[in-house]
């Protein structure tokens, strides 16, 4: 289990022209982004993945398909080199568990 200090997919809200413009400003052309649907997201379920890409044309197209829905936009923290996750204790915490019968126990190996 990975716990992040900062909010993932930080551009959040109802998909409208304002959110589209903020997304285009904050996600440089060529950088990977992911769009997730938040309207049915309740812990411990994961948010529904809608799409991803690395161009503004892809972003505009996928965004047009979710207009009016609650979304989160940002970079999937696992899309790039994941070594930063284990080497950034101020930003992430990784917990390892092993299942024993009907319960989970810390995996310290």
PDB file of N, CA and C in Angstrom:
ATOM      1  N   UNK A   1       0.849  -1.153   0.000  1.00  0.00           N
ATOM      2  CA  UNK A   1       0.000   0.000   0.000  1.00  0.00           C
ATOM      3  C   UNK A   1       0.906   1.231   0.000  1.00  0.00           C
ATOM      4  N   UNK A   2       0.600   2.176  -0.848  1.00  0.00           N
ATOM      5  CA  UNK A   2       1.357   3.413  -0.908  1.00  0.00           C
ATOM      6  C   UNK A   2       0.481   4.562  -0.432  1.00  0.00           C
ATOM      7  N   UNK A   3       0.984   5.332   0.521  1.00  0.00           N
ATOM      8  CA  UNK A   3       0.276   6.486   1.053  1.00  0.00           C
ATOM      9  C   UNK A   3       1.034   7.729   0.612  1.00  0.00           C
ATOM     10  N   UNK A   4       0.340   8.661  -0.019  1.00  0.00           N
ATOM     11  CA  UNK A   4       0.958   9.882  -0.519  1.00  0.00           C
ATOM     12  C   UNK A   4       0.626  11.053   0.386  1.00  0.00           C
ATOM     13  N   UNK A   5       1.600  11.906   0.595  1.00  0.00           N
ATOM     14  CA  UNK A   5       1.398  13.094   1.425  1.00  0.00           C
ATOM     15  C   UNK A   5       0.477  14.097   0.729  1.00  0.00           C
ATOM     16  N   UNK A   6       0.683  14.280  -0.545  1.00  0.00           N
ATOM     17  CA  UNK A   6      -0.088  15.279  -1.301  1.00  0.00           C
ATOM     18  C   UNK A   6      -1.232  14.613  -2.070  1.00  0.00           C
ATOM     19  N   UNK A   7      -2.247  15.393  -2.323  1.00  0.00           N
ATOM     20  CA  UNK A   7      -3.404  14.943  -3.075  1.00  0.00           C
ATOM     21  C   UNK A   7      -2.989  14.545  -4.489  1.00  0.00           C
ATOM     22  N   UNK A   8      -3.384  13.363  -4.913  1.00  0.00           N
ATOM     23  CA  UNK A   8      -3.131  12.921  -6.272  1.00  0.00           C
ATOM     24  C   UNK A   8      -4.268  13.393  -7.169  1.00  0.00           C
ATOM     25  N   UNK A   9      -3.992  13.641  -8.425  1.00  0.00           N
ATOM     26  CA  UNK A   9      -4.961  14.199  -9.372  1.00  0.00           C
ATOM     27  C   UNK A   9      -5.528  15.503  -8.805  1.00  0.00           C
ATOM     28  N   UNK A  10      -4.650  16.496  -8.609  1.00  0.00           N
ATOM     29  CA  UNK A  10      -5.023  17.698  -7.859  1.00  0.00           C
ATOM     30  C   UNK A  10      -6.003  18.642  -8.564  1.00  0.00           C
ATOM     31  N   UNK A  11      -6.114  18.574  -9.886  1.00  0.00           N
ATOM     32  CA  UNK A  11      -7.126  19.391 -10.560  1.00  0.00           C
ATOM     33  C   UNK A  11      -8.442  18.643 -10.450  1.00  0.00           C
ATOM     34  N   UNK A  12      -9.352  19.161  -9.643  1.00  0.00           N
ATOM     35  CA  UNK A  12     -10.595  18.450  -9.367  1.00  0.00           C
ATOM     36  C   UNK A  12     -11.787  19.365  -9.495  1.00  0.00           C
ATOM     37  N   UNK A  13     -12.885  18.761  -9.899  1.00  0.00           N
ATOM     38  CA  UNK A  13     -14.132  19.500  -9.987  1.00  0.00           C
ATOM     39  C   UNK A  13     -14.992  18.970 -11.104  1.00  0.00           C
ATOM     40  N   UNK A  14     -16.077  19.692 -11.376  1.00  0.00           N
ATOM     41  CA  UNK A  14     -16.950  19.335 -12.483  1.00  0.00           C
ATOM     42  C   UNK A  14     -16.262  19.777 -13.771  1.00  0.00           C
ATOM     43  N   UNK A  15     -16.188  18.873 -14.731  1.00  0.00           N
ATOM     44  CA  UNK A  15     -15.516  19.168 -16.001  1.00  0.00           C
ATOM     45  C   UNK A  15     -16.287  20.247 -16.760  1.00  0.00           C
ATOM     46  N   UNK A  16     -15.688  21.420 -16.835  1.00  0.00           N
ATOM     47  CA  UNK A  16     -16.270  22.540 -17.564  1.00  0.00           C
ATOM     48  C   UNK A  16     -15.141  23.322 -18.230  1.00  0.00           C
ATOM     49  N   UNK A  17     -15.474  24.426 -18.888  1.00  0.00           N
ATOM     50  CA  UNK A  17     -14.465  25.209 -19.610  1.00  0.00           C
ATOM     51  C   UNK A  17     -13.353  25.708 -18.691  1.00  0.00           C
ATOM     52  N   UNK A  18     -13.707  26.085 -17.471  1.00  0.00           N
ATOM     53  CA  UNK A  18     -12.720  26.589 -16.530  1.00  0.00           C
ATOM     54  C   UNK A  18     -11.701  25.500 -16.166  1.00  0.00           C
ATOM     55  N   UNK A  19     -12.184  24.285 -15.875  1.00  0.00           N
ATOM     56  CA  UNK A  19     -11.283  23.184 -15.531  1.00  0.00           C
ATOM     57  C   UNK A  19     -10.438  22.784 -16.739  1.00  0.00           C
ATOM     58  N   UNK A  20     -11.008  22.822 -17.913  1.00  0.00           N
ATOM     59  CA  UNK A  20     -10.247  22.529 -19.137  1.00  0.00           C
ATOM     60  C   UNK A  20      -9.091  23.510 -19.289  1.00  0.00           C
ATOM     61  N   UNK A  21      -9.353  24.787 -19.114  1.00  0.00           N
ATOM     62  CA  UNK A  21      -8.297  25.795 -19.244  1.00  0.00           C
ATOM     63  C   UNK A  21      -7.208  25.611 -18.189  1.00  0.00           C
ATOM     64  N   UNK A  22      -7.604  25.330 -16.954  1.00  0.00           N
ATOM     65  CA  UNK A  22      -6.602  25.100 -15.907  1.00  0.00           C
ATOM     66  C   UNK A  22      -5.750  23.875 -16.233  1.00  0.00           C
ATOM     67  N   UNK A  23      -6.381  22.828 -16.761  1.00  0.00           N
ATOM     68  CA  UNK A  23      -5.639  21.631 -17.146  1.00  0.00           C
ATOM     69  C   UNK A  23      -4.633  21.926 -18.251  1.00  0.00           C
ATOM     70  N   UNK A  24      -5.042  22.679 -19.246  1.00  0.00           N
ATOM     71  CA  UNK A  24      -4.140  23.018 -20.352  1.00  0.00           C
ATOM     72  C   UNK A  24      -2.974  23.887 -19.874  1.00  0.00           C
ATOM     73  N   UNK A  25      -3.205  24.727 -18.872  1.00  0.00           N
ATOM     74  CA  UNK A  25      -2.142  25.569 -18.328  1.00  0.00           C
ATOM     75  C   UNK A  25      -1.173  24.780 -17.468  1.00  0.00           C
ATOM     76  N   UNK A  26      -1.680  23.833 -16.678  1.00  0.00           N
ATOM     77  CA  UNK A  26      -0.828  23.122 -15.714  1.00  0.00           C
ATOM     78  C   UNK A  26      -0.155  21.868 -16.258  1.00  0.00           C
ATOM     79  N   UNK A  27      -0.665  21.336 -17.364  1.00  0.00           N
ATOM     80  CA  UNK A  27      -0.072  20.135 -17.948  1.00  0.00           C
ATOM     81  C   UNK A  27       0.622  20.532 -19.247  1.00  0.00           C
ATOM     82  N   UNK A  28       1.951  20.605 -19.226  1.00  0.00           N
ATOM     83  CA  UNK A  28       2.669  21.000 -20.442  1.00  0.00           C
ATOM     84  C   UNK A  28       2.487  19.972 -21.566  1.00  0.00           C
ATOM     85  N   UNK A  29       2.462  20.443 -22.782  1.00  0.00           N
ATOM     86  CA  UNK A  29       2.432  19.561 -23.952  1.00  0.00           C
ATOM     87  C   UNK A  29       3.594  18.584 -23.839  1.00  0.00           C
ATOM     88  N   UNK A  30       3.300  17.295 -23.996  1.00  0.00           N
ATOM     89  CA  UNK A  30       4.343  16.276 -23.906  1.00  0.00           C
ATOM     90  C   UNK A  30       4.430  15.590 -22.558  1.00  0.00           C
ATOM     91  N   UNK A  31       3.834  16.182 -21.505  1.00  0.00           N
ATOM     92  CA  UNK A  31       3.808  15.537 -20.185  1.00  0.00           C
ATOM     93  C   UNK A  31       2.577  14.632 -20.097  1.00  0.00           C
ATOM     94  N   UNK A  32       2.742  13.487 -19.463  1.00  0.00           N
ATOM     95  CA  UNK A  32       1.634  12.554 -19.301  1.00  0.00           C
ATOM     96  C   UNK A  32       0.630  13.075 -18.278  1.00  0.00           C
ATOM     97  N   UNK A  33      -0.639  12.825 -18.552  1.00  0.00           N
ATOM     98  CA  UNK A  33      -1.727  13.169 -17.637  1.00  0.00           C
ATOM     99  C   UNK A  33      -2.659  11.966 -17.557  1.00  0.00           C
ATOM    100  N   UNK A  34      -3.493  11.950 -16.537  1.00  0.00           N
ATOM    101  CA  UNK A  34      -4.544  10.944 -16.391  1.00  0.00           C
ATOM    102  C   UNK A  34      -5.807  11.652 -15.924  1.00  0.00           C
ATOM    103  N   UNK A  35      -6.943  11.214 -16.434  1.00  0.00           N
ATOM    104  CA  UNK A  35      -8.244  11.709 -15.993  1.00  0.00           C
ATOM    105  C   UNK A  35      -8.947  10.551 -15.291  1.00  0.00           C
ATOM    106  N   UNK A  36      -9.423  10.806 -14.067  1.00  0.00           N
ATOM    107  CA  UNK A  36     -10.193   9.804 -13.324  1.00  0.00           C
ATOM    108  C   UNK A  36     -11.564  10.377 -12.991  1.00  0.00           C
ATOM    109  N   UNK A  37     -12.557   9.506 -12.948  1.00  0.00           N
ATOM    110  CA  UNK A  37     -13.905   9.917 -12.554  1.00  0.00           C
ATOM    111  C   UNK A  37     -14.024   9.810 -11.044  1.00  0.00           C
ATOM    112  N   UNK A  38     -14.543  10.841 -10.412  1.00  0.00           N
ATOM    113  CA  UNK A  38     -14.639  10.879  -8.957  1.00  0.00           C
ATOM    114  C   UNK A  38     -16.060  10.744  -8.438  1.00  0.00           C
ATOM    115  N   UNK A  39     -17.047  10.763  -9.320  1.00  0.00           N
ATOM    116  CA  UNK A  39     -18.433  10.789  -8.850  1.00  0.00           C
ATOM    117  C   UNK A  39     -18.859   9.511  -8.134  1.00  0.00           C
ATOM    118  N   UNK A  40     -18.273   8.380  -8.442  1.00  0.00           N
ATOM    119  CA  UNK A  40     -18.619   7.134  -7.776  1.00  0.00           C
ATOM    120  C   UNK A  40     -17.474   6.615  -6.919  1.00  0.00           C
ATOM    121  N   UNK A  41     -16.529   7.482  -6.589  1.00  0.00           N
ATOM    122  CA  UNK A  41     -15.348   7.052  -5.844  1.00  0.00           C
ATOM    123  C   UNK A  41     -15.590   7.147  -4.344  1.00  0.00           C
ATOM    124  N   UNK A  42     -15.546   6.018  -3.675  1.00  0.00           N
ATOM    125  CA  UNK A  42     -15.645   5.960  -2.225  1.00  0.00           C
ATOM    126  C   UNK A  42     -14.594   4.976  -1.737  1.00  0.00           C
ATOM    127  N   UNK A  43     -13.787   5.390  -0.767  1.00  0.00           N
ATOM    128  CA  UNK A  43     -12.769   4.520  -0.209  1.00  0.00           C
ATOM    129  C   UNK A  43     -13.429   3.254   0.321  1.00  0.00           C
ATOM    130  N   UNK A  44     -12.915   2.073   0.110  1.00  0.00           N
ATOM    131  CA  UNK A  44     -11.584   1.720  -0.388  1.00  0.00           C
ATOM    132  C   UNK A  44     -11.524   1.467  -1.888  1.00  0.00           C
ATOM    133  N   UNK A  45     -12.612   1.752  -2.610  1.00  0.00           N
ATOM    134  CA  UNK A  45     -12.591   1.559  -4.057  1.00  0.00           C
ATOM    135  C   UNK A  45     -11.669   2.563  -4.714  1.00  0.00           C
ATOM    136  N   UNK A  46     -11.165   2.215  -5.863  1.00  0.00           N
ATOM    137  CA  UNK A  46     -10.314   3.130  -6.622  1.00  0.00           C
ATOM    138  C   UNK A  46     -11.183   3.987  -7.531  1.00  0.00           C
ATOM    139  N   UNK A  47     -10.746   5.205  -7.831  1.00  0.00           N
ATOM    140  CA  UNK A  47     -11.510   6.005  -8.790  1.00  0.00           C
ATOM    141  C   UNK A  47     -11.461   5.344 -10.160  1.00  0.00           C
ATOM    142  N   UNK A  48     -12.496   5.556 -10.947  1.00  0.00           N
ATOM    143  CA  UNK A  48     -12.553   4.983 -12.295  1.00  0.00           C
ATOM    144  C   UNK A  48     -11.628   5.760 -13.222  1.00  0.00           C
ATOM    145  N   UNK A  49     -10.743   5.047 -13.868  1.00  0.00           N
ATOM    146  CA  UNK A  49      -9.838   5.658 -14.833  1.00  0.00           C
ATOM    147  C   UNK A  49     -10.620   5.977 -16.088  1.00  0.00           C
ATOM    148  N   UNK A  50     -10.451   7.195 -16.616  1.00  0.00           N
ATOM    149  CA  UNK A  50     -11.159   7.561 -17.838  1.00  0.00           C
ATOM    150  C   UNK A  50     -10.219   7.564 -19.027  1.00  0.00           C
ATOM    151  N   UNK A  51      -9.048   8.141 -18.884  1.00  0.00           N
ATOM    152  CA  UNK A  51      -8.122   8.196 -20.001  1.00  0.00           C
ATOM    153  C   UNK A  51      -6.826   8.862 -19.622  1.00  0.00           C
ATOM    154  N   UNK A  52      -5.884   8.785 -20.531  1.00  0.00           N
ATOM    155  CA  UNK A  52      -4.591   9.422 -20.307  1.00  0.00           C
ATOM    156  C   UNK A  52      -3.938   9.678 -21.658  1.00  0.00           C
ATOM    157  N   UNK A  53      -2.906  10.482 -21.638  1.00  0.00           N
ATOM    158  CA  UNK A  53      -2.178  10.797 -22.857  1.00  0.00           C
ATOM    159  C   UNK A  53      -1.085  11.791 -22.559  1.00  0.00           C
ATOM    160  N   UNK A  54      -0.486  12.314 -23.620  1.00  0.00           N
ATOM    161  CA  UNK A  54       0.586  13.290 -23.414  1.00  0.00           C
ATOM    162  C   UNK A  54       0.531  14.444 -24.407  1.00  0.00           C
ATOM    163  N   UNK A  55      -0.630  14.668 -25.016  1.00  0.00           N
ATOM    164  CA  UNK A  55      -0.760  15.834 -25.890  1.00  0.00           C
ATOM    165  C   UNK A  55      -2.012  16.616 -25.498  1.00  0.00           C
ATOM    166  N   UNK A  56      -2.006  17.889 -25.828  1.00  0.00           N
ATOM    167  CA  UNK A  56      -3.182  18.710 -25.552  1.00  0.00           C
ATOM    168  C   UNK A  56      -4.361  18.285 -26.414  1.00  0.00           C
ATOM    169  N   UNK A  57      -4.095  17.787 -27.621  1.00  0.00           N
ATOM    170  CA  UNK A  57      -5.188  17.310 -28.484  1.00  0.00           C
ATOM    171  C   UNK A  57      -5.887  16.117 -27.829  1.00  0.00           C
ATOM    172  N   UNK A  58      -5.110  15.171 -27.293  1.00  0.00           N
ATOM    173  CA  UNK A  58      -5.700  14.024 -26.585  1.00  0.00           C
ATOM    174  C   UNK A  58      -6.475  14.499 -25.364  1.00  0.00           C
ATOM    175  N   UNK A  59      -5.889  15.436 -24.637  1.00  0.00           N
ATOM    176  CA  UNK A  59      -6.532  15.950 -23.434  1.00  0.00           C
ATOM    177  C   UNK A  59      -7.880  16.577 -23.767  1.00  0.00           C
ATOM    178  N   UNK A  60      -7.901  17.426 -24.795  1.00  0.00           N
ATOM    179  CA  UNK A  60      -9.166  18.071 -25.182  1.00  0.00           C
ATOM    180  C   UNK A  60     -10.213  17.031 -25.580  1.00  0.00           C
ATOM    181  N   UNK A  61      -9.804  16.022 -26.354  1.00  0.00           N
ATOM    182  CA  UNK A  61     -10.740  14.990 -26.805  1.00  0.00           C
ATOM    183  C   UNK A  61     -11.318  14.218 -25.621  1.00  0.00           C
ATOM    184  N   UNK A  62     -10.451  13.723 -24.745  1.00  0.00           N
ATOM    185  CA  UNK A  62     -10.935  12.949 -23.603  1.00  0.00           C
ATOM    186  C   UNK A  62     -11.747  13.812 -22.646  1.00  0.00           C
ATOM    187  N   UNK A  63     -11.329  15.054 -22.458  1.00  0.00           N
ATOM    188  CA  UNK A  63     -12.060  15.961 -21.584  1.00  0.00           C
ATOM    189  C   UNK A  63     -13.471  16.204 -22.123  1.00  0.00           C
ATOM    190  N   UNK A  64     -13.614  16.315 -23.447  1.00  0.00           N
ATOM    191  CA  UNK A  64     -14.935  16.565 -24.044  1.00  0.00           C
ATOM    192  C   UNK A  64     -15.911  15.438 -23.748  1.00  0.00           C
ATOM    193  N   UNK A  65     -15.389  14.252 -23.457  1.00  0.00           N
ATOM    194  CA  UNK A  65     -16.244  13.093 -23.177  1.00  0.00           C
ATOM    195  C   UNK A  65     -16.717  13.034 -21.719  1.00  0.00           C
ATOM    196  N   UNK A  66     -16.159  13.889 -20.856  1.00  0.00           N
ATOM    197  CA  UNK A  66     -16.551  13.872 -19.435  1.00  0.00           C
ATOM    198  C   UNK A  66     -17.148  15.205 -18.973  1.00  0.00           C
ATOM    199  N   UNK A  67     -17.455  16.090 -19.893  1.00  0.00           N
ATOM    200  CA  UNK A  67     -18.024  17.391 -19.524  1.00  0.00           C
ATOM    201  C   UNK A  67     -19.270  17.169 -18.659  1.00  0.00           C
ATOM    202  N   UNK A  68     -19.314  17.898 -17.542  1.00  0.00           N
ATOM    203  CA  UNK A  68     -20.431  17.811 -16.617  1.00  0.00           C
ATOM    204  C   UNK A  68     -20.256  16.779 -15.515  1.00  0.00           C
ATOM    205  N   UNK A  69     -19.198  15.987 -15.594  1.00  0.00           N
ATOM    206  CA  UNK A  69     -18.958  14.954 -14.573  1.00  0.00           C
ATOM    207  C   UNK A  69     -17.849  15.402 -13.627  1.00  0.00           C
ATOM    208  N   UNK A  70     -17.848  14.858 -12.387  1.00  0.00           N
ATOM    209  CA  UNK A  70     -16.784  15.170 -11.421  1.00  0.00           C
ATOM    210  C   UNK A  70     -15.551  14.355 -11.770  1.00  0.00           C
ATOM    211  N   UNK A  71     -14.436  15.061 -11.981  1.00  0.00           N
ATOM    212  CA  UNK A  71     -13.204  14.398 -12.393  1.00  0.00           C
ATOM    213  C   UNK A  71     -12.016  14.881 -11.575  1.00  0.00           C
ATOM    214  N   UNK A  72     -10.950  14.108 -11.636  1.00  0.00           N
ATOM    215  CA  UNK A  72      -9.651  14.488 -11.111  1.00  0.00           C
ATOM    216  C   UNK A  72      -8.661  14.377 -12.260  1.00  0.00           C
ATOM    217  N   UNK A  73      -7.746  15.324 -12.346  1.00  0.00           N
ATOM    218  CA  UNK A  73      -6.774  15.357 -13.439  1.00  0.00           C
ATOM    219  C   UNK A  73      -5.391  15.543 -12.848  1.00  0.00           C
ATOM    220  N   UNK A  74      -4.455  14.784 -13.334  1.00  0.00           N
ATOM    221  CA  UNK A  74      -3.081  14.911 -12.874  1.00  0.00           C
ATOM    222  C   UNK A  74      -2.226  13.809 -13.451  1.00  0.00           C
ATOM    223  N   UNK A  75      -1.059  13.648 -12.876  1.00  0.00           N
ATOM    224  CA  UNK A  75      -0.154  12.611 -13.326  1.00  0.00           C
ATOM    225  C   UNK A  75      -0.282  11.391 -12.422  1.00  0.00           C
ATOM    226  N   UNK A  76      -0.422  10.230 -13.018  1.00  0.00           N
ATOM    227  CA  UNK A  76      -0.437   8.996 -12.247  1.00  0.00           C
ATOM    228  C   UNK A  76       0.950   8.829 -11.638  1.00  0.00           C
ATOM    229  N   UNK A  77       1.060   8.726 -10.320  1.00  0.00           N
ATOM    230  CA  UNK A  77       2.381   8.668  -9.701  1.00  0.00           C
ATOM    231  C   UNK A  77       3.171   7.420 -10.086  1.00  0.00           C
ATOM    232  N   UNK A  78       2.520   6.436 -10.688  1.00  0.00           N
ATOM    233  CA  UNK A  78       3.205   5.212 -11.089  1.00  0.00           C
ATOM    234  C   UNK A  78       3.535   5.187 -12.579  1.00  0.00           C
ATOM    235  N   UNK A  79       3.244   6.275 -13.315  1.00  0.00           N
ATOM    236  CA  UNK A  79       3.516   6.311 -14.756  1.00  0.00           C
ATOM    237  C   UNK A  79       5.000   6.455 -15.085  1.00  0.00           C
ATOM    238  N   UNK A  80       5.738   7.085 -14.217  1.00  0.00           N
ATOM    239  CA  UNK A  80       7.163   7.300 -14.474  1.00  0.00           C
ATOM    240  C   UNK A  80       7.985   6.383 -13.580  1.00  0.00           C
ATOM    241  N   UNK A  81       9.264   6.618 -13.538  1.00  0.00           N
ATOM    242  CA  UNK A  81      10.176   5.863 -12.697  1.00  0.00           C
ATOM    243  C   UNK A  81       9.676   5.917 -11.253  1.00  0.00           C
ATOM    244  N   UNK A  82       9.388   4.754 -10.675  1.00  0.00           N
ATOM    245  CA  UNK A  82       8.816   4.692  -9.333  1.00  0.00           C
ATOM    246  C   UNK A  82       9.855   4.728  -8.217  1.00  0.00           C
ATOM    247  N   UNK A  83      11.124   4.835  -8.555  1.00  0.00           N
ATOM    248  CA  UNK A  83      12.157   4.810  -7.515  1.00  0.00           C
ATOM    249  C   UNK A  83      12.010   5.984  -6.545  1.00  0.00           C
ATOM    250  N   UNK A  84      11.449   7.096  -6.998  1.00  0.00           N
ATOM    251  CA  UNK A  84      11.271   8.250  -6.117  1.00  0.00           C
ATOM    252  C   UNK A  84      10.338   7.921  -4.954  1.00  0.00           C
ATOM    253  N   UNK A  85       9.421   6.974  -5.165  1.00  0.00           N
ATOM    254  CA  UNK A  85       8.453   6.642  -4.122  1.00  0.00           C
ATOM    255  C   UNK A  85       9.154   6.076  -2.898  1.00  0.00           C
ATOM    256  N   UNK A  86      10.100   5.169  -3.120  1.00  0.00           N
ATOM    257  CA  UNK A  86      10.806   4.554  -2.001  1.00  0.00           C
ATOM    258  C   UNK A  86      11.911   5.435  -1.444  1.00  0.00           C
ATOM    259  N   UNK A  87      12.317   6.440  -2.194  1.00  0.00           N
ATOM    260  CA  UNK A  87      13.415   7.295  -1.735  1.00  0.00           C
ATOM    261  C   UNK A  87      12.949   8.671  -1.261  1.00  0.00           C
ATOM    262  N   UNK A  88      11.651   8.864  -1.097  1.00  0.00           N
ATOM    263  CA  UNK A  88      11.099  10.161  -0.664  1.00  0.00           C
ATOM    264  C   UNK A  88      10.218   9.988   0.565  1.00  0.00           C
ATOM    265  N   UNK A  89      10.813   9.711   1.724  1.00  0.00           N
ATOM    266  CA  UNK A  89       9.994   9.447   2.915  1.00  0.00           C
ATOM    267  C   UNK A  89       9.138  10.635   3.358  1.00  0.00           C
ATOM    268  N   UNK A  90       9.472  11.845   2.932  1.00  0.00           N
ATOM    269  CA  UNK A  90       8.640  12.993   3.284  1.00  0.00           C
ATOM    270  C   UNK A  90       7.400  13.092   2.396  1.00  0.00           C
ATOM    271  N   UNK A  91       7.419  12.396   1.266  1.00  0.00           N
ATOM    272  CA  UNK A  91       6.314  12.479   0.309  1.00  0.00           C
ATOM    273  C   UNK A  91       5.473  11.215   0.237  1.00  0.00           C
ATOM    274  N   UNK A  92       6.058  10.073   0.542  1.00  0.00           N
ATOM    275  CA  UNK A  92       5.323   8.814   0.438  1.00  0.00           C
ATOM    276  C   UNK A  92       5.683   7.868   1.569  1.00  0.00           C
ATOM    277  N   UNK A  93       4.777   6.947   1.820  1.00  0.00           N
ATOM    278  CA  UNK A  93       5.041   5.881   2.765  1.00  0.00           C
ATOM    279  C   UNK A  93       4.522   4.599   2.112  1.00  0.00           C
ATOM    280  N   UNK A  94       5.375   3.588   2.040  1.00  0.00           N
ATOM    281  CA  UNK A  94       4.993   2.316   1.440  1.00  0.00           C
ATOM    282  C   UNK A  94       4.884   1.280   2.554  1.00  0.00           C
ATOM    283  N   UNK A  95       3.737   0.637   2.626  1.00  0.00           N
ATOM    284  CA  UNK A  95       3.491  -0.398   3.627  1.00  0.00           C
ATOM    285  C   UNK A  95       3.336  -1.735   2.906  1.00  0.00           C
ATOM    286  N   UNK A  96       3.960  -2.746   3.443  1.00  0.00           N
ATOM    287  CA  UNK A  96       3.874  -4.081   2.857  1.00  0.00           C
ATOM    288  C   UNK A  96       3.138  -4.997   3.821  1.00  0.00           C
ATOM    289  N   UNK A  97       2.171  -5.743   3.298  1.00  0.00           N
ATOM    290  CA  UNK A  97       1.388  -6.671   4.100  1.00  0.00           C
ATOM    291  C   UNK A  97       1.397  -8.046   3.441  1.00  0.00           C
ATOM    292  N   UNK A  98       1.246  -9.050   4.269  1.00  0.00           N
ATOM    293  CA  UNK A  98       1.143 -10.422   3.797  1.00  0.00           C
ATOM    294  C   UNK A  98      -0.114 -11.015   4.428  1.00  0.00           C
ATOM    295  N   UNK A  99      -0.868 -11.740   3.621  1.00  0.00           N
ATOM    296  CA  UNK A  99      -2.100 -12.346   4.136  1.00  0.00           C
ATOM    297  C   UNK A  99      -1.774 -13.664   4.838  1.00  0.00           C
ATOM    298  N   UNK A 100      -2.280 -13.797   6.057  1.00  0.00           N
ATOM    299  CA  UNK A 100      -2.161 -15.019   6.849  1.00  0.00           C
ATOM    300  C   UNK A 100      -3.571 -15.440   7.245  1.00  0.00           C
ATOM    301  N   UNK A 101      -4.090 -16.455   6.569  1.00  0.00           N
ATOM    302  CA  UNK A 101      -5.455 -16.885   6.857  1.00  0.00           C
ATOM    303  C   UNK A 101      -6.455 -15.811   6.492  1.00  0.00           C
ATOM    304  N   UNK A 102      -7.184 -15.320   7.478  1.00  0.00           N
ATOM    305  CA  UNK A 102      -8.212 -14.315   7.220  1.00  0.00           C
ATOM    306  C   UNK A 102      -7.805 -12.914   7.656  1.00  0.00           C
ATOM    307  N   UNK A 103      -6.496 -12.676   7.836  1.00  0.00           N
ATOM    308  CA  UNK A 103      -6.049 -11.330   8.233  1.00  0.00           C
ATOM    309  C   UNK A 103      -4.733 -10.993   7.534  1.00  0.00           C
ATOM    310  N   UNK A 104      -4.414  -9.711   7.561  1.00  0.00           N
ATOM    311  CA  UNK A 104      -3.180  -9.229   6.979  1.00  0.00           C
ATOM    312  C   UNK A 104      -2.221  -8.841   8.091  1.00  0.00           C
ATOM    313  N   UNK A 105      -0.943  -9.152   7.895  1.00  0.00           N
ATOM    314  CA  UNK A 105       0.082  -8.805   8.862  1.00  0.00           C
ATOM    315  C   UNK A 105       1.195  -8.051   8.142  1.00  0.00           C
ATOM    316  N   UNK A 106       1.897  -7.173   8.850  1.00  0.00           N
ATOM    317  CA  UNK A 106       3.016  -6.467   8.205  1.00  0.00           C
ATOM    318  C   UNK A 106       4.013  -7.474   7.626  1.00  0.00           C
ATOM    319  N   UNK A 107       4.495  -7.161   6.448  1.00  0.00           N
ATOM    320  CA  UNK A 107       5.524  -7.990   5.803  1.00  0.00           C
ATOM    321  C   UNK A 107       6.851  -7.265   5.941  1.00  0.00           C
ATOM    322  N   UNK A 108       7.678  -7.695   6.843  1.00  0.00           N
ATOM    323  CA  UNK A 108       8.948  -7.021   7.141  1.00  0.00           C
ATOM    324  C   UNK A 108      10.127  -7.661   6.427  1.00  0.00           C
ATOM    325  N   UNK A 109       9.874  -8.506   5.445  1.00  0.00           N
ATOM    326  CA  UNK A 109      10.993  -9.160   4.747  1.00  0.00           C
ATOM    327  C   UNK A 109      11.527  -8.305   3.641  1.00  0.00           C
TER     328      UNK A 109
END
